Protein backbone atom coordinates (compact mmCIF):
# COMPACT_ATOMS: atom_id res chain seq x y z
CA MET A 1 109.64 109.46 59.83
CA ILE A 2 107.85 111.47 57.18
CA LYS A 3 105.53 109.84 54.66
CA ILE A 4 105.58 110.77 50.98
CA GLY A 5 102.82 109.73 48.60
CA ILE A 6 103.69 109.17 44.95
CA ILE A 7 100.40 110.20 43.37
CA THR A 8 99.40 108.89 39.96
CA GLY A 9 98.00 111.52 37.64
CA SER A 10 95.90 109.43 35.25
CA THR A 11 92.85 107.22 35.54
CA ARG A 12 92.67 105.94 31.95
CA ASP A 13 92.55 102.17 31.47
CA SER A 14 95.44 102.33 28.98
CA ARG A 15 97.61 104.58 31.13
CA VAL A 16 101.37 104.16 31.56
CA ASN A 17 101.27 106.36 34.63
CA VAL A 18 101.52 103.53 37.15
CA GLN A 19 104.73 102.29 35.46
CA VAL A 20 106.31 105.70 35.98
CA ALA A 21 105.06 105.94 39.59
CA GLU A 22 106.44 102.47 40.41
CA TRP A 23 109.80 103.47 38.89
CA VAL A 24 109.92 106.59 41.07
CA LYS A 25 109.07 104.43 44.09
CA SER A 26 111.86 101.96 43.23
CA ILE A 27 114.32 104.86 43.35
CA ALA A 28 112.74 106.29 46.50
CA ASP A 29 112.94 102.91 48.24
CA GLN A 30 116.74 103.19 48.20
CA ARG A 31 116.38 105.99 50.76
CA THR A 32 116.14 105.66 54.53
CA ASN A 33 115.00 109.19 55.46
CA ALA A 34 111.32 108.82 54.51
CA GLU A 35 108.61 106.26 53.77
CA PHE A 36 107.19 106.21 50.25
CA GLU A 37 104.03 104.71 48.82
CA VAL A 38 102.25 104.84 45.49
CA VAL A 39 98.82 106.44 45.83
CA ASP A 40 96.77 105.57 42.75
CA ILE A 41 93.96 108.07 42.28
CA LYS A 42 92.08 105.54 40.14
CA GLU A 43 91.68 103.24 43.16
CA TYR A 44 89.73 105.92 45.03
CA ASN A 45 86.99 106.04 42.35
CA LEU A 46 86.39 109.72 42.94
CA PRO A 47 83.41 110.94 40.91
CA LYS A 48 83.64 114.19 39.01
CA PHE A 49 83.95 116.95 41.57
CA ASN A 50 80.42 117.82 42.65
CA GLU A 51 80.57 118.63 46.36
CA PRO A 52 77.92 121.18 47.41
CA ILE A 53 80.44 123.22 49.43
CA PRO A 54 84.05 123.79 48.31
CA ALA A 55 86.67 122.06 50.47
CA ILE A 56 88.22 125.42 51.38
CA MET A 57 85.02 126.11 53.37
CA SER A 58 84.13 122.68 54.77
CA GLN A 59 85.51 119.19 55.17
CA ASP A 60 82.01 117.73 55.47
CA TYR A 61 82.43 115.69 52.30
CA GLN A 62 79.27 114.22 50.84
CA ALA A 63 80.89 111.69 48.52
CA PRO A 64 82.02 108.62 50.51
CA GLU A 65 85.01 108.32 48.17
CA ALA A 66 86.12 111.81 49.19
CA LYS A 67 86.22 110.80 52.86
CA GLU A 68 88.63 107.93 52.12
CA TRP A 69 90.69 110.20 49.86
CA SER A 70 90.82 112.82 52.61
CA GLN A 71 92.15 110.28 55.12
CA LYS A 72 94.92 109.18 52.78
CA ILE A 73 96.12 112.68 51.88
CA ASN A 74 95.86 113.83 55.50
CA GLU A 75 98.26 111.09 56.68
CA LEU A 76 100.95 112.09 54.17
CA ASP A 77 103.62 114.74 54.75
CA GLY A 78 104.55 115.33 51.12
CA PHE A 79 103.96 114.20 47.58
CA VAL A 80 105.46 113.36 44.23
CA PHE A 81 102.90 113.88 41.49
CA VAL A 82 103.42 111.80 38.36
CA THR A 83 101.55 113.64 35.65
CA PRO A 84 101.08 113.02 31.97
CA GLU A 85 100.32 115.92 29.69
CA TYR A 86 96.93 115.87 27.97
CA ASN A 87 96.29 118.81 25.65
CA LYS A 88 98.92 120.93 27.44
CA ALA A 89 97.39 120.35 30.89
CA ILE A 90 97.01 117.83 33.69
CA THR A 91 94.25 115.24 33.49
CA SER A 92 90.73 115.95 34.66
CA GLY A 93 91.04 113.03 37.10
CA LEU A 94 94.05 114.60 38.81
CA LYS A 95 92.39 118.03 38.89
CA ASP A 96 89.28 116.55 40.51
CA ALA A 97 91.41 114.66 43.07
CA ILE A 98 93.11 117.92 44.06
CA ASP A 99 89.86 119.92 44.11
CA TYR A 100 88.09 117.51 46.46
CA LEU A 101 90.35 118.55 49.33
CA TYR A 102 91.92 121.68 50.78
CA VAL A 103 93.26 121.55 54.35
CA GLU A 104 94.64 118.05 53.78
CA TRP A 105 97.07 119.52 51.24
CA ASN A 106 98.04 122.60 53.28
CA ASN A 107 101.67 123.24 54.18
CA LYS A 108 103.08 120.18 52.50
CA ALA A 109 105.73 119.86 49.79
CA ALA A 110 105.55 118.23 46.37
CA GLY A 111 107.76 117.22 43.53
CA ILE A 112 106.50 116.71 40.00
CA VAL A 113 107.52 114.05 37.48
CA SER A 114 106.03 114.78 34.08
CA TYR A 115 105.92 113.05 30.73
CA GLY A 116 104.48 113.60 27.30
CA SER A 117 105.37 114.33 23.70
CA THR A 118 106.97 117.59 24.88
CA LEU A 119 108.15 116.16 28.23
CA GLY A 120 104.95 117.18 30.01
CA VAL A 121 106.46 120.55 30.87
CA THR A 122 103.28 122.55 30.30
CA ALA A 123 101.25 120.11 32.43
CA ALA A 124 103.84 120.38 35.20
CA ASN A 125 103.69 124.18 35.09
CA ASN A 126 99.89 123.96 35.13
CA LEU A 127 100.07 121.66 38.17
CA ARG A 128 102.46 124.02 39.99
CA LEU A 129 99.94 126.84 39.60
CA ILE A 130 97.01 124.66 40.74
CA LEU A 131 98.91 123.50 43.84
CA THR A 132 99.49 127.07 45.04
CA VAL A 133 95.84 127.42 46.03
CA PRO A 134 95.79 124.55 48.57
CA LYS A 135 99.19 125.77 49.83
CA VAL A 136 101.41 123.00 48.47
CA ALA A 137 105.02 124.10 48.02
CA THR A 138 106.51 122.59 44.86
CA VAL A 139 110.23 121.94 44.62
CA GLY A 140 112.27 123.17 41.68
CA THR A 141 113.80 119.98 40.32
CA GLN A 142 111.49 118.25 37.86
CA PRO A 143 112.22 115.01 36.04
CA ALA A 144 110.66 115.30 32.57
CA LEU A 145 110.25 112.23 30.38
CA SER A 146 109.65 111.89 26.66
CA LEU A 147 107.00 109.62 25.18
CA PHE A 148 109.37 109.17 22.22
CA THR A 149 112.61 108.24 23.98
CA ASP A 150 111.58 106.96 27.43
CA PHE A 151 108.75 104.69 26.32
CA GLU A 152 108.64 101.86 23.80
CA GLU A 153 105.73 102.40 21.41
CA MET A 154 104.36 104.86 23.99
CA ARG A 155 103.20 101.89 26.12
CA THR A 156 106.18 100.42 27.96
CA PHE A 157 108.23 102.65 30.19
CA LYS A 158 111.99 102.38 29.59
CA PRO A 159 113.58 105.51 31.07
CA ALA A 160 117.03 106.67 30.09
CA PRO A 161 119.46 106.00 32.97
CA PHE A 162 120.34 109.69 33.47
CA HIS A 163 116.81 110.38 34.77
CA GLU A 164 117.55 108.55 38.03
CA GLU A 165 119.92 111.28 39.22
CA THR A 166 117.27 113.93 38.60
CA VAL A 167 114.69 111.88 40.51
CA GLN A 168 117.11 111.55 43.45
CA THR A 169 117.68 115.32 43.49
CA MET A 170 113.93 115.96 43.42
CA LEU A 171 113.39 113.44 46.24
CA ASN A 172 116.08 115.16 48.32
CA GLU A 173 114.21 118.43 47.95
CA VAL A 174 110.80 116.89 48.70
CA VAL A 175 112.08 115.17 51.86
CA VAL A 176 113.83 118.31 53.17
CA TRP A 177 110.87 120.59 52.45
CA SER A 178 108.33 118.06 53.79
CA THR A 179 110.34 117.72 57.00
CA ALA A 180 110.54 121.49 57.41
CA LEU A 181 106.86 122.10 56.65
CA LYS A 182 105.77 119.42 59.12
CA THR A 183 106.97 121.72 61.89
CA ILE A 184 104.33 124.34 61.05
CA ARG A 185 101.36 122.02 60.67
């Protein structure tokens, strides 16, 4: 059975990101065609990216945190990134987490769940572009959540019920693409 990691996109102490990731997982857990787990980038304590050799050229990671991060991403077949939008982009923590690795991401599929004052759409588009370099295929369906209507006081996640159908569609795509891409890895 394929394994899909639901990757948090924020490391701030006051983040609501984990609430969104846990909600996605609660929907994913209704499925029987894949295993899902929340992968919280904050728990890996990755320092700012400062490896002497880019991951595209070497997997001889110097930061011990990068080695643990590499193991986790390597064991997954696909991803759902849960990204907030900060200043029309993804967070620096998520960018660093992606930059630390290369081959571990290769030929895997990903869905994106975004949120922000403008639904996180620009951050999601930014993430799609970033993921092309380590050869991650992003699916088309993208749940987009509003800080104004899907959160109470921008702190407590209360999604509108119609979002669940979009999440299910995205998960269908991620599972199918992850299954297909596993055959070429």
